[in-house]
Amino acid sequence: MAKNLEISNLLDFYGEMLTQKQRDFLDYYYNEDLSLSEIAENEGITRQGVRDAIKRAEAQMFDMESKLGLCEKFSELRKGLDEIKECAEIIYQYNLNHSLSREINDNTARIKSLADFLGE
């Protein structure tokens, strides 16, 4: 399952760099859970032809990720944004419990909102 998620993520980032057939085959196989035989039958080619196209597309995407690292950078960005939101929530709760400053509450709410927006 982890490989399916990894391929789906790579497809989101690098799918436009592949041919339409490669994108379709990867989508059928990983996202729609069709077997190689089902894809082959639907596309009118051999099972081996589908397998080869999928393996080539996977290799291309892994190569692009090793050179560009977009998936990894995006993952790190999301982790950082989650941590920012957690810190803002801690500050907000502390301030709320100690009735210190409306301005701090407003700013922590804004930080969380911006982090949510950037994480979309």
N, C-alpha and C. Protein backbone atom coordinates (compact mmCIF):
# COMPACT_ATOMS: atom_id res chain seq x y z
N MET A 1 0.82 -1.20 0.00
CA MET A 1 0.00 0.00 0.00
C MET A 1 0.86 1.26 0.00
N ALA A 2 1.98 1.23 0.72
CA ALA A 2 2.85 2.40 0.78
C ALA A 2 3.39 2.75 -0.60
N LYS A 3 3.70 1.73 -1.41
CA LYS A 3 4.20 2.00 -2.76
C LYS A 3 3.09 2.65 -3.60
N ASN A 4 1.86 2.18 -3.43
CA ASN A 4 0.75 2.78 -4.17
C ASN A 4 0.61 4.26 -3.85
N LEU A 5 0.72 4.60 -2.57
CA LEU A 5 0.62 6.00 -2.16
C LEU A 5 1.79 6.80 -2.72
N GLU A 6 2.98 6.22 -2.67
CA GLU A 6 4.16 6.90 -3.20
C GLU A 6 4.01 7.16 -4.70
N ILE A 7 3.58 6.17 -5.44
CA ILE A 7 3.39 6.34 -6.89
C ILE A 7 2.30 7.36 -7.16
N SER A 8 1.22 7.32 -6.40
CA SER A 8 0.14 8.30 -6.58
C SER A 8 0.65 9.72 -6.33
N ASN A 9 1.48 9.89 -5.29
CA ASN A 9 2.05 11.21 -5.01
C ASN A 9 2.97 11.65 -6.14
N LEU A 10 3.81 10.75 -6.61
CA LEU A 10 4.71 11.08 -7.72
C LEU A 10 3.90 11.45 -8.96
N LEU A 11 2.82 10.73 -9.18
CA LEU A 11 1.96 11.00 -10.33
C LEU A 11 1.36 12.41 -10.23
N ASP A 12 1.00 12.82 -9.02
CA ASP A 12 0.47 14.17 -8.83
C ASP A 12 1.51 15.22 -9.21
N PHE A 13 2.76 14.98 -8.87
CA PHE A 13 3.80 15.97 -9.14
C PHE A 13 4.35 15.89 -10.55
N TYR A 14 4.54 14.69 -11.05
CA TYR A 14 5.26 14.53 -12.32
C TYR A 14 4.42 13.93 -13.45
N GLY A 15 3.15 13.71 -13.20
CA GLY A 15 2.30 13.07 -14.20
C GLY A 15 2.27 13.79 -15.54
N GLU A 16 2.30 15.10 -15.50
CA GLU A 16 2.24 15.87 -16.76
C GLU A 16 3.49 15.70 -17.61
N MET A 17 4.54 15.17 -17.02
CA MET A 17 5.78 14.94 -17.76
C MET A 17 5.75 13.60 -18.51
N LEU A 18 4.76 12.79 -18.22
CA LEU A 18 4.63 11.48 -18.85
C LEU A 18 3.71 11.58 -20.06
N THR A 19 3.71 10.53 -20.88
CA THR A 19 2.76 10.49 -21.98
C THR A 19 1.37 10.24 -21.41
N GLN A 20 0.36 10.54 -22.20
CA GLN A 20 -1.02 10.32 -21.76
C GLN A 20 -1.26 8.85 -21.46
N LYS A 21 -0.72 7.96 -22.27
CA LYS A 21 -0.87 6.51 -22.04
C LYS A 21 -0.25 6.11 -20.71
N GLN A 22 0.97 6.59 -20.46
CA GLN A 22 1.63 6.25 -19.20
C GLN A 22 0.80 6.74 -18.01
N ARG A 23 0.31 7.97 -18.09
CA ARG A 23 -0.52 8.50 -17.01
C ARG A 23 -1.77 7.65 -16.82
N ASP A 24 -2.40 7.32 -17.93
CA ASP A 24 -3.61 6.50 -17.85
C ASP A 24 -3.32 5.15 -17.20
N PHE A 25 -2.27 4.48 -17.66
CA PHE A 25 -1.94 3.16 -17.12
C PHE A 25 -1.65 3.23 -15.62
N LEU A 26 -0.87 4.23 -15.21
CA LEU A 26 -0.57 4.38 -13.79
C LEU A 26 -1.84 4.67 -12.99
N ASP A 27 -2.68 5.51 -13.53
CA ASP A 27 -3.93 5.84 -12.85
C ASP A 27 -4.81 4.60 -12.72
N TYR A 28 -4.96 3.84 -13.80
CA TYR A 28 -5.77 2.62 -13.76
C TYR A 28 -5.21 1.63 -12.73
N TYR A 29 -3.90 1.48 -12.75
CA TYR A 29 -3.26 0.46 -11.92
C TYR A 29 -3.22 0.85 -10.44
N TYR A 30 -2.79 2.09 -10.16
CA TYR A 30 -2.60 2.49 -8.76
C TYR A 30 -3.81 3.16 -8.14
N ASN A 31 -4.54 3.95 -8.89
CA ASN A 31 -5.66 4.68 -8.31
C ASN A 31 -6.99 3.96 -8.47
N GLU A 32 -7.18 3.29 -9.61
CA GLU A 32 -8.43 2.58 -9.83
C GLU A 32 -8.33 1.09 -9.52
N ASP A 33 -7.12 0.64 -9.19
CA ASP A 33 -6.88 -0.74 -8.75
C ASP A 33 -7.26 -1.79 -9.79
N LEU A 34 -7.04 -1.47 -11.07
CA LEU A 34 -7.26 -2.46 -12.12
C LEU A 34 -6.01 -3.34 -12.23
N SER A 35 -6.20 -4.58 -12.60
CA SER A 35 -5.06 -5.48 -12.80
C SER A 35 -4.42 -5.18 -14.15
N LEU A 36 -3.20 -5.70 -14.32
CA LEU A 36 -2.52 -5.54 -15.61
C LEU A 36 -3.36 -6.15 -16.73
N SER A 37 -3.95 -7.31 -16.47
CA SER A 37 -4.78 -7.98 -17.47
C SER A 37 -6.01 -7.15 -17.84
N GLU A 38 -6.64 -6.55 -16.83
CA GLU A 38 -7.82 -5.72 -17.11
C GLU A 38 -7.45 -4.49 -17.95
N ILE A 39 -6.33 -3.86 -17.62
CA ILE A 39 -5.89 -2.71 -18.39
C ILE A 39 -5.57 -3.12 -19.82
N ALA A 40 -4.86 -4.23 -19.96
CA ALA A 40 -4.49 -4.73 -21.28
C ALA A 40 -5.74 -5.00 -22.13
N GLU A 41 -6.71 -5.63 -21.52
CA GLU A 41 -7.95 -5.94 -22.25
C GLU A 41 -8.67 -4.66 -22.67
N ASN A 42 -8.75 -3.69 -21.76
CA ASN A 42 -9.43 -2.42 -22.06
C ASN A 42 -8.70 -1.62 -23.13
N GLU A 43 -7.38 -1.72 -23.16
CA GLU A 43 -6.57 -0.92 -24.08
C GLU A 43 -6.22 -1.66 -25.37
N GLY A 44 -6.52 -2.95 -25.41
CA GLY A 44 -6.24 -3.72 -26.62
C GLY A 44 -4.77 -4.00 -26.85
N ILE A 45 -3.99 -4.14 -25.76
CA ILE A 45 -2.58 -4.50 -25.88
C ILE A 45 -2.29 -5.67 -24.94
N THR A 46 -1.06 -6.14 -24.97
CA THR A 46 -0.71 -7.28 -24.11
C THR A 46 -0.50 -6.84 -22.67
N ARG A 47 -0.64 -7.81 -21.79
CA ARG A 47 -0.39 -7.59 -20.37
C ARG A 47 1.06 -7.12 -20.17
N GLN A 48 1.98 -7.75 -20.90
CA GLN A 48 3.40 -7.38 -20.82
C GLN A 48 3.63 -5.95 -21.28
N GLY A 49 2.91 -5.53 -22.30
CA GLY A 49 3.02 -4.16 -22.79
C GLY A 49 2.58 -3.15 -21.73
N VAL A 50 1.52 -3.47 -21.02
CA VAL A 50 1.05 -2.60 -19.94
C VAL A 50 2.09 -2.56 -18.83
N ARG A 51 2.59 -3.75 -18.44
CA ARG A 51 3.59 -3.82 -17.37
C ARG A 51 4.83 -3.01 -17.73
N ASP A 52 5.32 -3.16 -18.95
CA ASP A 52 6.50 -2.42 -19.39
C ASP A 52 6.27 -0.90 -19.35
N ALA A 53 5.10 -0.46 -19.80
CA ALA A 53 4.77 0.97 -19.81
C ALA A 53 4.71 1.51 -18.38
N ILE A 54 4.15 0.73 -17.47
CA ILE A 54 4.05 1.15 -16.07
C ILE A 54 5.44 1.24 -15.45
N LYS A 55 6.27 0.22 -15.69
CA LYS A 55 7.62 0.21 -15.12
C LYS A 55 8.46 1.37 -15.66
N ARG A 56 8.34 1.66 -16.95
CA ARG A 56 9.08 2.79 -17.54
C ARG A 56 8.61 4.11 -16.92
N ALA A 57 7.31 4.27 -16.76
CA ALA A 57 6.76 5.50 -16.18
C ALA A 57 7.20 5.65 -14.73
N GLU A 58 7.17 4.57 -13.97
CA GLU A 58 7.64 4.61 -12.58
C GLU A 58 9.10 5.04 -12.52
N ALA A 59 9.91 4.44 -13.38
CA ALA A 59 11.34 4.76 -13.39
C ALA A 59 11.55 6.23 -13.73
N GLN A 60 10.79 6.75 -14.69
CA GLN A 60 10.92 8.16 -15.07
C GLN A 60 10.56 9.07 -13.88
N MET A 61 9.48 8.73 -13.19
CA MET A 61 9.06 9.57 -12.06
C MET A 61 10.05 9.50 -10.91
N PHE A 62 10.57 8.31 -10.61
CA PHE A 62 11.57 8.19 -9.57
C PHE A 62 12.84 8.97 -9.93
N ASP A 63 13.20 8.95 -11.21
CA ASP A 63 14.35 9.71 -11.67
C ASP A 63 14.11 11.21 -11.51
N MET A 64 12.93 11.67 -11.88
CA MET A 64 12.60 13.09 -11.73
C MET A 64 12.63 13.50 -10.26
N GLU A 65 12.08 12.63 -9.39
CA GLU A 65 12.08 12.95 -7.96
C GLU A 65 13.49 12.99 -7.40
N SER A 66 14.35 12.08 -7.87
CA SER A 66 15.73 12.09 -7.36
C SER A 66 16.46 13.35 -7.80
N LYS A 67 16.10 13.91 -8.95
CA LYS A 67 16.75 15.12 -9.44
C LYS A 67 16.12 16.39 -8.88
N LEU A 68 14.79 16.40 -8.75
CA LEU A 68 14.09 17.62 -8.36
C LEU A 68 13.65 17.62 -6.89
N GLY A 69 13.27 16.47 -6.38
CA GLY A 69 12.88 16.35 -4.98
C GLY A 69 11.61 17.09 -4.59
N LEU A 70 10.70 17.29 -5.53
CA LEU A 70 9.49 18.06 -5.23
C LEU A 70 8.59 17.39 -4.21
N CYS A 71 8.42 16.09 -4.30
CA CYS A 71 7.57 15.37 -3.33
C CYS A 71 8.16 15.49 -1.93
N GLU A 72 9.44 15.30 -1.82
CA GLU A 72 10.10 15.38 -0.51
C GLU A 72 10.01 16.79 0.06
N LYS A 73 10.24 17.79 -0.77
CA LYS A 73 10.15 19.18 -0.31
C LYS A 73 8.73 19.51 0.14
N PHE A 74 7.75 19.04 -0.61
CA PHE A 74 6.36 19.28 -0.25
C PHE A 74 6.01 18.62 1.08
N SER A 75 6.49 17.40 1.27
CA SER A 75 6.25 16.69 2.52
C SER A 75 6.87 17.44 3.70
N GLU A 76 8.08 17.93 3.53
CA GLU A 76 8.75 18.69 4.58
C GLU A 76 8.01 19.99 4.87
N LEU A 77 7.52 20.64 3.83
CA LEU A 77 6.75 21.87 3.99
C LEU A 77 5.49 21.62 4.80
N ARG A 78 4.78 20.54 4.47
CA ARG A 78 3.55 20.21 5.21
C ARG A 78 3.86 19.92 6.68
N LYS A 79 4.93 19.20 6.95
CA LYS A 79 5.31 18.92 8.34
C LYS A 79 5.62 20.22 9.08
N GLY A 80 6.35 21.11 8.43
CA GLY A 80 6.67 22.39 9.04
C GLY A 80 5.43 23.22 9.32
N LEU A 81 4.49 23.23 8.38
CA LEU A 81 3.24 23.97 8.58
C LEU A 81 2.43 23.38 9.73
N ASP A 82 2.41 22.06 9.83
CA ASP A 82 1.70 21.41 10.94
C ASP A 82 2.33 21.81 12.28
N GLU A 83 3.65 21.86 12.31
CA GLU A 83 4.34 22.25 13.54
C GLU A 83 4.06 23.71 13.89
N ILE A 84 4.02 24.57 12.88
CA ILE A 84 3.68 25.98 13.11
C ILE A 84 2.28 26.09 13.70
N LYS A 85 1.33 25.34 13.14
CA LYS A 85 -0.04 25.37 13.67
C LYS A 85 -0.10 24.87 15.11
N GLU A 86 0.65 23.82 15.42
CA GLU A 86 0.67 23.30 16.79
C GLU A 86 1.24 24.34 17.76
N CYS A 87 2.33 24.99 17.38
CA CYS A 87 2.93 26.02 18.23
C CYS A 87 1.97 27.19 18.42
N ALA A 88 1.32 27.60 17.35
CA ALA A 88 0.36 28.71 17.44
C ALA A 88 -0.79 28.33 18.37
N GLU A 89 -1.24 27.10 18.30
CA GLU A 89 -2.33 26.63 19.18
C GLU A 89 -1.89 26.65 20.64
N ILE A 90 -0.66 26.23 20.92
CA ILE A 90 -0.13 26.24 22.29
C ILE A 90 -0.09 27.68 22.82
N ILE A 91 0.40 28.60 22.00
CA ILE A 91 0.47 30.01 22.40
C ILE A 91 -0.94 30.54 22.64
N TYR A 92 -1.85 30.23 21.73
CA TYR A 92 -3.24 30.68 21.84
C TYR A 92 -3.87 30.18 23.14
N GLN A 93 -3.72 28.89 23.41
CA GLN A 93 -4.31 28.32 24.62
C GLN A 93 -3.69 28.91 25.88
N TYR A 94 -2.40 29.07 25.89
CA TYR A 94 -1.72 29.67 27.05
C TYR A 94 -2.26 31.09 27.29
N ASN A 95 -2.31 31.85 26.21
CA ASN A 95 -2.80 33.23 26.33
C ASN A 95 -4.26 33.26 26.77
N LEU A 96 -5.06 32.36 26.23
CA LEU A 96 -6.48 32.29 26.59
C LEU A 96 -6.65 31.98 28.07
N ASN A 97 -5.89 31.03 28.57
CA ASN A 97 -5.99 30.61 29.97
C ASN A 97 -5.44 31.66 30.94
N HIS A 98 -4.57 32.53 30.45
CA HIS A 98 -3.96 33.53 31.32
C HIS A 98 -4.46 34.95 31.02
N SER A 99 -5.42 35.06 30.12
CA SER A 99 -6.04 36.35 29.77
C SER A 99 -5.01 37.46 29.57
N LEU A 100 -4.03 37.18 28.75
CA LEU A 100 -2.94 38.15 28.61
C LEU A 100 -3.20 39.19 27.52
N SER A 101 -3.57 38.75 26.31
CA SER A 101 -3.63 39.73 25.22
C SER A 101 -4.56 39.28 24.10
N ARG A 102 -5.49 40.17 23.75
CA ARG A 102 -6.35 39.91 22.60
C ARG A 102 -5.52 39.92 21.31
N GLU A 103 -4.52 40.77 21.25
CA GLU A 103 -3.67 40.86 20.07
C GLU A 103 -2.93 39.55 19.82
N ILE A 104 -2.45 38.91 20.88
CA ILE A 104 -1.79 37.62 20.72
C ILE A 104 -2.77 36.57 20.21
N ASN A 105 -3.98 36.57 20.75
CA ASN A 105 -5.00 35.64 20.27
C ASN A 105 -5.29 35.85 18.79
N ASP A 106 -5.45 37.11 18.39
CA ASP A 106 -5.73 37.42 16.98
C ASP A 106 -4.58 36.98 16.07
N ASN A 107 -3.36 37.24 16.52
CA ASN A 107 -2.20 36.88 15.70
C ASN A 107 -1.99 35.37 15.61
N THR A 108 -2.23 34.65 16.69
CA THR A 108 -2.09 33.19 16.61
C THR A 108 -3.17 32.60 15.71
N ALA A 109 -4.38 33.16 15.76
CA ALA A 109 -5.44 32.70 14.86
C ALA A 109 -5.05 32.98 13.41
N ARG A 110 -4.44 34.12 13.17
CA ARG A 110 -3.99 34.46 11.81
C ARG A 110 -2.88 33.52 11.35
N ILE A 111 -1.94 33.18 12.23
CA ILE A 111 -0.86 32.25 11.89
C ILE A 111 -1.44 30.90 11.50
N LYS A 112 -2.38 30.40 12.29
CA LYS A 112 -3.00 29.10 11.97
C LYS A 112 -3.75 29.16 10.64
N SER A 113 -4.44 30.25 10.42
CA SER A 113 -5.18 30.41 9.16
C SER A 113 -4.24 30.45 7.96
N LEU A 114 -3.16 31.18 8.07
CA LEU A 114 -2.18 31.24 6.97
C LEU A 114 -1.53 29.88 6.73
N ALA A 115 -1.21 29.18 7.81
CA ALA A 115 -0.61 27.84 7.67
C ALA A 115 -1.58 26.89 6.98
N ASP A 116 -2.86 26.98 7.34
CA ASP A 116 -3.88 26.15 6.66
C ASP A 116 -3.95 26.48 5.18
N PHE A 117 -3.97 27.77 4.87
CA PHE A 117 -4.03 28.22 3.47
C PHE A 117 -2.83 27.72 2.68
N LEU A 118 -1.64 27.87 3.24
CA LEU A 118 -0.42 27.44 2.55
C LEU A 118 -0.34 25.93 2.40
N GLY A 119 -0.99 25.20 3.28
CA GLY A 119 -0.96 23.73 3.23
C GLY A 119 -1.94 23.13 2.23
N GLU A 120 -2.79 23.96 1.65
CA GLU A 120 -3.77 23.44 0.69
C GLU A 120 -3.15 23.10 -0.64
